[in-house]
Each structure stands twice: as C-alpha cells, then as structure tokens.
Amino acid sequence: MKIIFAGTPDFAVPSLQMLLASKHNVCAVYTQPDRPAGRGRHKHASPVKELALKHAIPVFQPLSLKADEDLQQLLSFNADLMVVVAYGMILTQAVLDAPKLGCINVHGSLLPRWRGAAPIQRALMAGDEKTGVTIMQIVRKLDAGSMLHKEEYVIGANDTANDLHDKLAELGAIGLSKVLTQMEAGALHAEPQDESLVTYAEKLTKSEAIIDWMQPASTIA
C-alpha cells in the first residue's frame, strides 16, 4: 500500500521503522516543525524526521493542515492510507477523507480507557494492572474511532513511565503490522468503542510533578 506517515516523537519511531522495513511504500512523512531544545535552544528535528531523512523519504512540517495548499500537497500523493502515531496535530475532516482507506492511529492505551494526551502516565497513576495499545480508525472526536486491534501489556511492579513508553511503542508497531496485513486480506473487523467505559487521560500539569512525601511509597514510586 501507498502510505503517508504522520508522527513526531520517539514513540512513533518503531512504527515508522516497521513500515520502512515492510513491502509498503511510505510516500511521505509529516511531522511537527523543528523546535528549540537544549541549553542553547537551538532548533532540533523530531526523531521521526531524522529517521525519514535517513531513508530519503520526503518530509513535510506544516504548522497545520488547514491551509488549502497543504491539503492539496497531501492529496497529490494519492495515498491508500495515512498512519498517525503521536503526530501532535488535530486533523480536519478533509485530511481524514484524503486517503482511499482513511486514517488510522496507534494510541497508547486499551481504549476506551484513557483517551487523550497522557495515557501512559495516567495508567500508572491510577494503578492499572494492565495497559497496551489500540489501533483505531480516526474520527473527528478525540480518540473515539472504532478499534481495529489491541495489544495488551501487564504492568510490572517496577515499570516506570519510560519503561511503558518504550514497550508500548514497540507493541504499537507490532499491532500496526497486524492491522495492515488484515486490511490487505479484507479481514479487518472494526469494533465501536463503548462510550460508557470512556476515561480521559488529561495532559499532566506541573503541579502533578511535585512529590507529596506524605503519600505511601507505592504511590510515590
């Protein structure tokens, strides 16, 4: 399949690596604009951009995809599918409708639990026994699309947010590969989310990073 990939941070890298190693044609990569980082505040490319450039994949970094010229650029690829992994940008309906098979997303939780920006951290903070990734169809409502596949992971007693991040990033690539295989075989089953089970993973605030030493050791950890 001819695929557009949209992603930005380290979490998205394993999924892009999987696509680049597959028989699929990654025709373009979309990622966030270079951002200042480090002590010198010099602009740095995203991990996804760095990987794409190593493989000579065209990279696009629009501030948004709302401008007509950006939409026309995306349409010009005549892609079969758009794969989105932690891109960090809300997609318009016109973008969602552009690829022949629509857009799918790799999300770092077992939906419908933990829709939103910080599913990995919220799962840990809530003391969840398991988490995972969900490959889903993208719709305009936040993380509300039908589910195509899940990969589960049992959270270990010593797992940190970084541990979960890396494990789920790898599981996301595995799940994505399975979905693409099923999609080509015409064997994909889309399961609607149960809205009664939805929880939201709000973005972490600075105040939540402050340690309350009166809490139990298990909570602080």
Foldseek 3Di string as FASTA:
>chain_A
DEEEEAAFAPLQVLQVVLCVPDPYHHQEYEAAFFFQDDPVRDTDGGPVVVVCVVVPHHYDHDNACPDPVSLVVLLVSQAQEYEYEHRPYQDDVSQQVRHVPGYKYKAWWDPLEAFDDPRLVVCLLVVPQKTAIWIFGDDNPGPQGFTFDTDMDGDDLPDDSVNSSVVRSNRSNVGVVVSVVCVVVVNTDTHGGDPVPHDHDYDDDPVVVDDDPVDDPSNRD
